[in-house]
C-alpha atoms as a PDB file:
ATOM      1  CA  MET A   1      -0.639  14.137  18.613  1.00  0.00           C
ATOM      2  CA  SER A   2       1.428  11.535  16.928  1.00  0.00           C
ATOM      3  CA  GLY A   3       0.490  10.091  13.255  1.00  0.00           C
ATOM      4  CA  ARG A   4      -1.457   7.068  11.962  1.00  0.00           C
ATOM      5  CA  PHE A   5      -1.738   3.730  14.144  1.00  0.00           C
ATOM      6  CA  ARG A   6      -3.563   0.729  13.930  1.00  0.00           C
ATOM      7  CA  VAL A   7      -6.726  -0.232  16.306  1.00  0.00           C
ATOM      8  CA  ALA A   8      -7.878  -4.073  17.011  1.00  0.00           C
ATOM      9  CA  CYS A   9     -11.017  -4.302  18.865  1.00  0.00           C
ATOM     10  CA  VAL A  10     -11.341  -7.936  20.454  1.00  0.00           C
ATOM     11  CA  GLN A  11     -14.394  -9.721  20.860  1.00  0.00           C
ATOM     12  CA  THR A  12     -14.972 -12.475  22.938  1.00  0.00           C
ATOM     13  CA  ASN A  13     -17.935 -14.892  24.483  1.00  0.00           C
ATOM     14  CA  SER A  14     -16.177 -14.703  28.233  1.00  0.00           C
ATOM     15  CA  LEU A  15     -17.059 -18.004  30.318  1.00  0.00           C
ATOM     16  CA  ARG A  16     -17.587 -17.522  34.131  1.00  0.00           C
ATOM     17  CA  ASP A  17     -14.038 -18.175  35.920  1.00  0.00           C
ATOM     18  CA  ILE A  18     -11.161 -16.987  34.918  1.00  0.00           C
ATOM     19  CA  SER A  19      -8.651 -19.218  33.911  1.00  0.00           C
ATOM     20  CA  PRO A  20     -10.510 -21.042  30.891  1.00  0.00           C
ATOM     21  CA  ASN A  21     -10.452 -17.089  29.203  1.00  0.00           C
ATOM     22  CA  LEU A  22      -6.957 -16.426  29.630  1.00  0.00           C
ATOM     23  CA  PRO A  23      -5.616 -18.528  26.490  1.00  0.00           C
ATOM     24  CA  ILE A  24      -8.183 -17.567  24.451  1.00  0.00           C
ATOM     25  CA  ILE A  25      -7.723 -13.443  25.504  1.00  0.00           C
ATOM     26  CA  ALA A  26      -3.784 -15.072  24.599  1.00  0.00           C
ATOM     27  CA  ALA A  27      -4.509 -15.978  21.391  1.00  0.00           C
ATOM     28  CA  LEU A  28      -6.942 -13.020  19.931  1.00  0.00           C
ATOM     29  CA  VAL A  29      -4.750 -10.763  21.065  1.00  0.00           C
ATOM     30  CA  GLY A  30      -1.554 -12.160  19.446  1.00  0.00           C
ATOM     31  CA  GLU A  31      -3.821 -12.170  16.337  1.00  0.00           C
ATOM     32  CA  ALA A  32      -4.429  -8.760  16.853  1.00  0.00           C
ATOM     33  CA  ARG A  33      -0.613  -7.865  17.022  1.00  0.00           C
ATOM     34  CA  ALA A  34      -0.130  -9.807  14.074  1.00  0.00           C
ATOM     35  CA  ALA A  35      -2.533  -7.796  11.993  1.00  0.00           C
ATOM     36  CA  GLY A  36      -0.680  -4.677  12.729  1.00  0.00           C
ATOM     37  CA  ALA A  37      -2.354  -3.383  16.040  1.00  0.00           C
ATOM     38  CA  ASP A  38      -0.908  -0.825  18.291  1.00  0.00           C
ATOM     39  CA  LEU A  39      -3.357  -0.440  20.359  1.00  0.00           C
ATOM     40  CA  VAL A  40      -5.614  -3.823  21.440  1.00  0.00           C
ATOM     41  CA  LEU A  41      -8.671  -3.430  23.555  1.00  0.00           C
ATOM     42  CA  LEU A  42     -10.657  -5.855  25.217  1.00  0.00           C
ATOM     43  CA  PRO A  43     -14.355  -6.065  26.345  1.00  0.00           C
ATOM     44  CA  GLU A  44     -16.212  -5.414  29.789  1.00  0.00           C
ATOM     45  CA  ASN A  45     -15.849  -8.453  32.108  1.00  0.00           C
ATOM     46  CA  VAL A  46     -13.206 -10.000  29.942  1.00  0.00           C
ATOM     47  CA  THR A  47     -11.681 -12.568  32.228  1.00  0.00           C
ATOM     48  CA  MET A  48     -14.931 -13.411  33.896  1.00  0.00           C
ATOM     49  CA  LEU A  49     -18.882 -13.221  32.965  1.00  0.00           C
ATOM     50  CA  GLU A  50     -20.172 -14.301  36.008  1.00  0.00           C
ATOM     51  CA  PRO A  51     -23.843 -13.961  36.311  1.00  0.00           C
ATOM     52  CA  ASP A  52     -24.683 -14.869  39.601  1.00  0.00           C
ATOM     53  CA  SER A  53     -23.860 -11.678  42.138  1.00  0.00           C
ATOM     54  CA  ARG A  54     -22.867 -13.864  45.246  1.00  0.00           C
ATOM     55  CA  GLN A  55     -20.408 -15.842  43.235  1.00  0.00           C
ATOM     56  CA  LEU A  56     -19.351 -12.965  41.576  1.00  0.00           C
ATOM     57  CA  ARG A  57     -18.321 -11.044  44.935  1.00  0.00           C
ATOM     58  CA  GLU A  58     -16.458 -14.452  45.977  1.00  0.00           C
ATOM     59  CA  LYS A  59     -14.406 -14.727  42.689  1.00  0.00           C
ATOM     60  CA  ALA A  60     -13.559 -11.007  42.566  1.00  0.00           C
ATOM     61  CA  GLN A  61      -9.971 -10.502  43.445  1.00  0.00           C
ATOM     62  CA  PRO A  62      -8.295  -7.347  44.504  1.00  0.00           C
ATOM     63  CA  GLU A  63      -6.260  -5.604  42.012  1.00  0.00           C
ATOM     64  CA  ASP A  64      -2.771  -6.510  43.543  1.00  0.00           C
ATOM     65  CA  HIS A  65      -4.106 -10.018  43.658  1.00  0.00           C
ATOM     66  CA  HIS A  66      -5.580 -10.379  40.546  1.00  0.00           C
ATOM     67  CA  PRO A  67      -4.576 -13.784  38.624  1.00  0.00           C
ATOM     68  CA  ALA A  68      -5.178 -12.109  35.260  1.00  0.00           C
ATOM     69  CA  LEU A  69      -3.193  -9.151  35.419  1.00  0.00           C
ATOM     70  CA  PRO A  70       0.260 -10.514  35.665  1.00  0.00           C
ATOM     71  CA  VAL A  71      -0.533 -12.282  32.428  1.00  0.00           C
ATOM     72  CA  LEU A  72      -2.216  -9.496  30.364  1.00  0.00           C
ATOM     73  CA  ALA A  73       0.797  -7.580  31.578  1.00  0.00           C
ATOM     74  CA  ALA A  74       3.139  -9.996  30.164  1.00  0.00           C
ATOM     75  CA  LEU A  75       0.973 -10.421  26.915  1.00  0.00           C
ATOM     76  CA  ALA A  76       1.415  -6.594  26.223  1.00  0.00           C
ATOM     77  CA  ARG A  77       5.690  -6.784  27.095  1.00  0.00           C
ATOM     78  CA  GLU A  78       5.592 -10.048  24.520  1.00  0.00           C
ATOM     79  CA  THR A  79       3.456  -8.415  21.548  1.00  0.00           C
ATOM     80  CA  GLY A  80       4.462  -4.639  22.500  1.00  0.00           C
ATOM     81  CA  ALA A  81       1.145  -3.629  21.709  1.00  0.00           C
ATOM     82  CA  TRP A  82      -0.865  -1.232  24.113  1.00  0.00           C
ATOM     83  CA  LEU A  83      -3.755  -3.213  25.477  1.00  0.00           C
ATOM     84  CA  LEU A  84      -6.878  -1.868  27.127  1.00  0.00           C
ATOM     85  CA  ILE A  85      -8.261  -4.221  29.458  1.00  0.00           C
ATOM     86  CA  GLY A  86     -12.128  -3.355  29.091  1.00  0.00           C
ATOM     87  CA  SER A  87     -12.715  -4.196  32.631  1.00  0.00           C
ATOM     88  CA  LEU A  88     -12.082  -6.696  35.828  1.00  0.00           C
ATOM     89  CA  SER A  89     -14.157  -7.480  38.869  1.00  0.00           C
ATOM     90  CA  ILE A  90     -11.786  -5.890  41.391  1.00  0.00           C
ATOM     91  CA  ARG A  91     -12.724  -6.877  44.917  1.00  0.00           C
ATOM     92  CA  LEU A  92     -12.809  -3.606  47.407  1.00  0.00           C
ATOM     93  CA  ASP A  93     -11.940  -3.241  51.205  1.00  0.00           C
ATOM     94  CA  ASP A  94     -15.647  -2.957  51.865  1.00  0.00           C
ATOM     95  CA  GLY A  95     -16.703  -6.356  49.991  1.00  0.00           C
ATOM     96  CA  ARG A  96     -17.743  -4.800  46.726  1.00  0.00           C
ATOM     97  CA  VAL A  97     -16.680  -5.198  43.674  1.00  0.00           C
ATOM     98  CA  ALA A  98     -15.362  -2.163  41.049  1.00  0.00           C
ATOM     99  CA  ASN A  99     -16.026  -3.290  37.425  1.00  0.00           C
ATOM    100  CA  ARG A 100     -12.612  -1.033  36.544  1.00  0.00           C
ATOM    101  CA  SER A 101     -11.169  -0.575  33.291  1.00  0.00           C
ATOM    102  CA  LEU A 102      -6.956  -0.210  32.844  1.00  0.00           C
ATOM    103  CA  LEU A 103      -4.985   0.441  30.517  1.00  0.00           C
ATOM    104  CA  LEU A 104      -1.523  -1.409  30.009  1.00  0.00           C
ATOM    105  CA  ASN A 105       1.610   0.102  28.139  1.00  0.00           C
ATOM    106  CA  ALA A 106       3.694  -1.397  25.973  1.00  0.00           C
ATOM    107  CA  ASP A 107       5.690  -2.382  29.043  1.00  0.00           C
ATOM    108  CA  GLY A 108       2.777  -3.697  30.639  1.00  0.00           C
ATOM    109  CA  THR A 109       2.615  -1.082  32.901  1.00  0.00           C
ATOM    110  CA  ILE A 110      -0.990  -0.012  34.122  1.00  0.00           C
ATOM    111  CA  VAL A 111      -1.182   4.043  33.091  1.00  0.00           C
ATOM    112  CA  ALA A 112      -4.739   4.492  33.754  1.00  0.00           C
ATOM    113  CA  ARG A 113      -7.285   3.097  35.769  1.00  0.00           C
ATOM    114  CA  TYR A 114     -11.542   3.445  35.813  1.00  0.00           C
ATOM    115  CA  ASP A 115     -14.062   2.757  37.603  1.00  0.00           C
ATOM    116  CA  LYS A 116     -17.409   2.194  35.723  1.00  0.00           C
ATOM    117  CA  ILE A 117     -19.765   5.223  37.001  1.00  0.00           C
ATOM    118  CA  HIS A 118     -23.193   4.451  35.447  1.00  0.00           C
ATOM    119  CA  LEU A 119     -24.370   0.870  36.858  1.00  0.00           C
ATOM    120  CA  PHE A 120     -26.617  -1.169  34.549  1.00  0.00           C
ATOM    121  CA  ASP A 121     -30.172  -1.202  36.852  1.00  0.00           C
ATOM    122  CA  VAL A 122     -32.620  -2.043  34.790  1.00  0.00           C
ATOM    123  CA  ASP A 123     -35.710  -4.336  33.717  1.00  0.00           C
ATOM    124  CA  LEU A 124     -35.947  -5.315  30.101  1.00  0.00           C
ATOM    125  CA  GLY A 125     -39.474  -7.331  30.047  1.00  0.00           C
ATOM    126  CA  GLY A 126     -39.600 -11.132  29.367  1.00  0.00           C
ATOM    127  CA  GLY A 127     -37.704 -11.613  32.796  1.00  0.00           C
ATOM    128  CA  GLU A 128     -34.718 -10.249  31.683  1.00  0.00           C
ATOM    129  CA  SER A 129     -33.570  -7.917  34.418  1.00  0.00           C
ATOM    130  CA  TYR A 130     -30.344  -6.577  35.838  1.00  0.00           C
ATOM    131  CA  ARG A 131     -29.189  -4.958  39.408  1.00  0.00           C
ATOM    132  CA  GLU A 132     -25.569  -4.250  38.818  1.00  0.00           C
ATOM    133  CA  SER A 133     -25.655  -1.561  42.033  1.00  0.00           C
ATOM    134  CA  ALA A 134     -26.283  -4.730  44.039  1.00  0.00           C
ATOM    135  CA  THR A 135     -22.690  -5.922  43.412  1.00  0.00           C
ATOM    136  CA  ILE A 136     -20.994  -3.231  41.841  1.00  0.00           C
ATOM    137  CA  ALA A 137     -19.188  -0.001  43.689  1.00  0.00           C
ATOM    138  CA  PRO A 138     -20.023   2.985  41.164  1.00  0.00           C
ATOM    139  CA  GLY A 139     -16.894   5.025  40.325  1.00  0.00           C
ATOM    140  CA  ASP A 140     -16.815   8.376  40.789  1.00  0.00           C
ATOM    141  CA  ARG A 141     -13.861  10.239  38.500  1.00  0.00           C
ATOM    142  CA  ALA A 142     -13.482  10.474  34.862  1.00  0.00           C
ATOM    143  CA  VAL A 143     -10.299   9.257  33.264  1.00  0.00           C
ATOM    144  CA  VAL A 144      -8.387  10.687  30.209  1.00  0.00           C
ATOM    145  CA  ALA A 145      -4.758   8.794  29.544  1.00  0.00           C
ATOM    146  CA  ALA A 146      -2.065   9.801  27.690  1.00  0.00           C
ATOM    147  CA  THR A 147      -0.927   7.325  24.950  1.00  0.00           C
ATOM    148  CA  PRO A 148       1.701   8.053  22.234  1.00  0.00           C
ATOM    149  CA  TRP A 149      -1.146   8.677  19.569  1.00  0.00           C
ATOM    150  CA  GLY A 150      -3.527  11.092  21.742  1.00  0.00           C
ATOM    151  CA  LYS A 151      -5.543  11.256  24.886  1.00  0.00           C
ATOM    152  CA  LEU A 152      -7.876   8.192  25.599  1.00  0.00           C
ATOM    153  CA  GLY A 153     -10.882   8.802  27.712  1.00  0.00           C
ATOM    154  CA  LEU A 154     -11.947   5.696  29.252  1.00  0.00           C
ATOM    155  CA  SER A 155     -15.624   4.650  30.106  1.00  0.00           C
ATOM    156  CA  VAL A 156     -17.813   0.953  30.529  1.00  0.00           C
ATOM    157  CA  CYS A 157     -20.568  -0.169  28.804  1.00  0.00           C
ATOM    158  CA  TYR A 158     -23.654   1.272  30.314  1.00  0.00           C
ATOM    159  CA  ASP A 159     -21.586   4.472  30.593  1.00  0.00           C
ATOM    160  CA  VAL A 160     -22.669   5.133  26.819  1.00  0.00           C
ATOM    161  CA  ARG A 161     -26.426   6.246  27.499  1.00  0.00           C
ATOM    162  CA  PHE A 162     -24.681   9.283  29.421  1.00  0.00           C
ATOM    163  CA  ALA A 163     -23.495  11.732  26.793  1.00  0.00           C
ATOM    164  CA  HIS A 164     -22.103  14.419  29.440  1.00  0.00           C
ATOM    165  CA  LEU A 165     -19.509  12.146  30.340  1.00  0.00           C
ATOM    166  CA  TYR A 166     -18.480  11.808  26.930  1.00  0.00           C
ATOM    167  CA  ARG A 167     -18.611  15.587  26.022  1.00  0.00           C
ATOM    168  CA  HIS A 168     -16.393  16.106  29.547  1.00  0.00           C
ATOM    169  CA  LEU A 169     -13.846  13.573  28.300  1.00  0.00           C
ATOM    170  CA  ALA A 170     -13.466  15.416  25.024  1.00  0.00           C
ATOM    171  CA  LYS A 171     -13.168  19.073  26.691  1.00  0.00           C
ATOM    172  CA  ALA A 172     -10.467  17.417  28.995  1.00  0.00           C
ATOM    173  CA  GLY A 173      -8.558  16.714  26.212  1.00  0.00           C
ATOM    174  CA  ALA A 174      -9.508  13.378  24.636  1.00  0.00           C
ATOM    175  CA  ASP A 175      -8.831  12.136  21.007  1.00  0.00           C
ATOM    176  CA  PHE A 176     -10.466   8.679  21.283  1.00  0.00           C
ATOM    177  CA  LEU A 177     -13.095   7.578  23.556  1.00  0.00           C
ATOM    178  CA  THR A 178     -13.111   3.555  24.817  1.00  0.00           C
ATOM    179  CA  VAL A 179     -16.709   1.837  25.336  1.00  0.00           C
ATOM    180  CA  PRO A 180     -15.539  -1.713  26.313  1.00  0.00           C
ATOM    181  CA  ALA A 181     -18.991  -3.588  26.752  1.00  0.00           C
ATOM    182  CA  ALA A 182     -21.164  -6.776  27.516  1.00  0.00           C
ATOM    183  CA  PHE A 183     -24.409  -5.300  25.889  1.00  0.00           C
ATOM    184  CA  THR A 184     -27.527  -7.156  26.098  1.00  0.00           C
ATOM    185  CA  ARG A 185     -28.785  -8.684  22.712  1.00  0.00           C
ATOM    186  CA  VAL A 186     -32.357  -6.592  23.424  1.00  0.00           C
ATOM    187  CA  THR A 187     -30.679  -3.109  24.157  1.00  0.00           C
ATOM    188  CA  GLY A 188     -27.876  -4.019  21.667  1.00  0.00           C
ATOM    189  CA  GLU A 189     -30.290  -4.484  18.480  1.00  0.00           C
ATOM    190  CA  ALA A 190     -31.878  -1.250  19.314  1.00  0.00           C
ATOM    191  CA  HIS A 191     -29.309   1.379  20.567  1.00  0.00           C
ATOM    192  CA  TRP A 192     -25.714  -0.029  20.161  1.00  0.00           C
ATOM    193  CA  HIS A 193     -24.797   1.453  16.374  1.00  0.00           C
ATOM    194  CA  ILE A 194     -26.877   4.673  17.189  1.00  0.00           C
ATOM    195  CA  LEU A 195     -25.276   5.436  20.893  1.00  0.00           C
ATOM    196  CA  LEU A 196     -21.754   5.000  19.821  1.00  0.00           C
ATOM    197  CA  ARG A 197     -21.874   6.671  16.448  1.00  0.00           C
ATOM    198  CA  ALA A 198     -23.699   9.272  18.379  1.00  0.00           C
ATOM    199  CA  ARG A 199     -21.045   9.918  21.025  1.00  0.00           C
ATOM    200  CA  ALA A 200     -18.472  10.189  18.385  1.00  0.00           C
ATOM    201  CA  ILE A 201     -20.125  12.883  16.348  1.00  0.00           C
ATOM    202  CA  GLU A 202     -21.205  14.969  19.365  1.00  0.00           C
ATOM    203  CA  THR A 203     -17.490  15.035  20.807  1.00  0.00           C
ATOM    204  CA  GLY A 204     -15.833  14.647  17.436  1.00  0.00           C
ATOM    205  CA  CYS A 205     -13.737  11.993  18.877  1.00  0.00           C
ATOM    206  CA  TYR A 206     -12.832   8.104  17.472  1.00  0.00           C
ATOM    207  CA  VAL A 207     -14.662   5.794  19.407  1.00  0.00           C
ATOM    208  CA  PHE A 208     -13.286   2.273  20.459  1.00  0.00           C
ATOM    209  CA  ALA A 209     -15.716  -0.382  21.629  1.00  0.00           C
ATOM    210  CA  PRO A 210     -14.947  -4.134  22.186  1.00  0.00           C
ATOM    211  CA  ALA A 211     -17.820  -6.293  22.712  1.00  0.00           C
ATOM    212  CA  GLN A 212     -19.191  -9.539  24.444  1.00  0.00           C
ATOM    213  CA  THR A 213     -20.720 -12.094  21.832  1.00  0.00           C
ATOM    214  CA  GLY A 214     -23.247 -14.630  22.045  1.00  0.00           C
ATOM    215  CA  THR A 215     -24.867 -16.875  25.124  1.00  0.00           C
ATOM    216  CA  HIS A 216     -23.135 -16.948  28.392  1.00  0.00           C
ATOM    217  CA  ALA A 217     -23.747 -18.711  31.829  1.00  0.00           C
ATOM    218  CA  GLY A 218     -27.295 -18.265  33.347  1.00  0.00           C
ATOM    219  CA  GLY A 219     -28.362 -18.041  29.591  1.00  0.00           C
ATOM    220  CA  ARG A 220     -27.519 -14.367  29.056  1.00  0.00           C
ATOM    221  CA  GLN A 221     -26.977 -12.961  25.429  1.00  0.00           C
ATOM    222  CA  THR A 222     -24.784 -10.414  24.405  1.00  0.00           C
ATOM    223  CA  PHE A 223     -25.084  -8.324  20.970  1.00  0.00           C
ATOM    224  CA  GLY A 224     -21.337  -8.568  19.849  1.00  0.00           C
ATOM    225  CA  HIS A 225     -20.737  -5.954  16.816  1.00  0.00           C
ATOM    226  CA  SER A 226     -17.764  -4.509  18.109  1.00  0.00           C
ATOM    227  CA  LEU A 227     -17.061  -0.852  16.748  1.00  0.00           C
ATOM    228  CA  ILE A 228     -14.003   1.098  15.461  1.00  0.00           C
ATOM    229  CA  VAL A 229     -16.124   4.726  14.284  1.00  0.00           C
ATOM    230  CA  ASP A 230     -14.641   7.739  13.067  1.00  0.00           C
ATOM    231  CA  PRO A 231     -14.845  11.632  14.683  1.00  0.00           C
ATOM    232  CA  TRP A 232     -17.620  11.792  11.993  1.00  0.00           C
ATOM    233  CA  GLY A 233     -19.661   9.202  13.067  1.00  0.00           C
ATOM    234  CA  ARG A 234     -18.617   6.636  10.165  1.00  0.00           C
ATOM    235  CA  VAL A 235     -18.192   3.119  11.286  1.00  0.00           C
ATOM    236  CA  LEU A 236     -14.731   1.661  10.642  1.00  0.00           C
ATOM    237  CA  ALA A 237     -15.114  -1.794  11.621  1.00  0.00           C
ATOM    238  CA  ASP A 238     -17.605  -3.964  12.635  1.00  0.00           C
ATOM    239  CA  GLY A 239     -16.904  -7.097  14.541  1.00  0.00           C
ATOM    240  CA  GLY A 240     -20.735  -8.769  13.612  1.00  0.00           C
ATOM    241  CA  GLU A 241     -21.298 -11.660  16.078  1.00  0.00           C
ATOM    242  CA  ALA A 242     -18.576 -14.085  16.179  1.00  0.00           C
ATOM    243  CA  VAL A 243     -15.169 -14.212  18.475  1.00  0.00           C
ATOM    244  CA  GLY A 244     -12.875 -12.602  16.582  1.00  0.00           C
ATOM    245  CA  ILE A 245     -10.932  -9.065  16.097  1.00  0.00           C
ATOM    246  CA  SER A 246     -11.999  -6.152  14.115  1.00  0.00           C
ATOM    247  CA  VAL A 247      -9.553  -3.887  13.044  1.00  0.00           C
ATOM    248  CA  ALA A 248      -9.221  -0.408  11.584  1.00  0.00           C
ATOM    249  CA  ASP A 249      -6.354   2.329  10.919  1.00  0.00           C
ATOM    250  CA  VAL A 250      -6.844   5.686  13.014  1.00  0.00           C
ATOM    251  CA  ASP A 251      -5.322   8.948  11.769  1.00  0.00           C
ATOM    252  CA  PRO A 252      -5.603  11.458  14.956  1.00  0.00           C
ATOM    253  CA  ALA A 253      -5.714  14.392  12.040  1.00  0.00           C
ATOM    254  CA  GLU A 254      -9.403  13.562  11.570  1.00  0.00           C
ATOM    255  CA  VAL A 255     -10.100  14.384  15.039  1.00  0.00           C
ATOM    256  CA  ALA A 256      -9.092  18.192  14.377  1.00  0.00           C
ATOM    257  CA  ALA A 257     -10.647  18.044  10.907  1.00  0.00           C
ATOM    258  CA  ALA A 258     -14.247  17.324  12.182  1.00  0.00           C
ATOM    259  CA  ARG A 259     -13.818  19.767  14.975  1.00  0.00           C
ATOM    260  CA  ARG A 260     -12.899  22.208  12.646  1.00  0.00           C
ATOM    261  CA  ARG A 261     -16.167  21.604  10.431  1.00  0.00           C
ATOM    262  CA  VAL A 262     -18.331  21.743  13.287  1.00  0.00           C
ATOM    263  CA  PRO A 263     -17.077  23.039  16.669  1.00  0.00           C
ATOM    264  CA  ALA A 264     -19.714  22.066  18.784  1.00  0.00           C
ATOM    265  CA  LEU A 265     -17.175  21.888  21.899  1.00  0.00           C
ATOM    266  CA  THR A 266     -16.943  25.470  21.821  1.00  0.00           C
ATOM    267  CA  HIS A 267     -20.916  26.107  21.636  1.00  0.00           C
ATOM    268  CA  ASP A 268     -21.997  25.227  24.704  1.00  0.00           C
ATOM    269  CA  ARG A 269     -24.313  28.417  26.580  1.00  0.00           C
ATOM    270  CA  PRO A 270     -25.422  28.449  29.768  1.00  0.00           C
ATOM    271  CA  PHE A 271     -29.471  27.750  30.099  1.00  0.00           C
ATOM    272  CA  HIS A 272     -31.748  27.523  32.971  1.00  0.00           C
END
């Protein structure tokens, strides 16, 4: 594990088509790098937040033909920052779509891929409901990636409600957890801060959670409040509700310190 580094979470209000989002992303990543960020994280569905499932299937592209990937890879190379693409909509061979998070190194090379495992099928009341499984193919593999500063455990949005995934990532060596999201306003107001702080406390990991914010196509509302949380559960940065960046300095030594104080990862016991 290396020394201190700076993290930036980018908060966007993504539109429903890819091309108009790319210059906005580029400007925010440039702002993050100018603020000294070594690792820049983008939210879920950052290049396209399409509310209509039929149109989402039509607009999704295979990874090797996705028009945003070369642009984002060039952005990583030009800035010299590692870049987490919170998620892209990737068309699969069977016609379904993967909600895929990708980690790029400073050369713009993809070093890790993670397909969202837990799908958001809920009825929130007031006519607000989601059926992610109608379009999205769930992933089936937990992913931990090596970085210059330590190991990064990947997840996406609704995954945050499944604590066992994060415990698995921490036991597999993760020092930092990523939770790019497009959290609804209703669930975000009730649960966002609590869930992210809990995942940090339970694992002794830093949590980096870049988020969508505001009102999107079709009237969907997302909560914002991109968070950077330390291993003791303290919020180091909160993006509020505006489009922009949140920046914090990260000390990997705090991971070991938190786990020494409360070594819960070593205290599992069998039960029926």
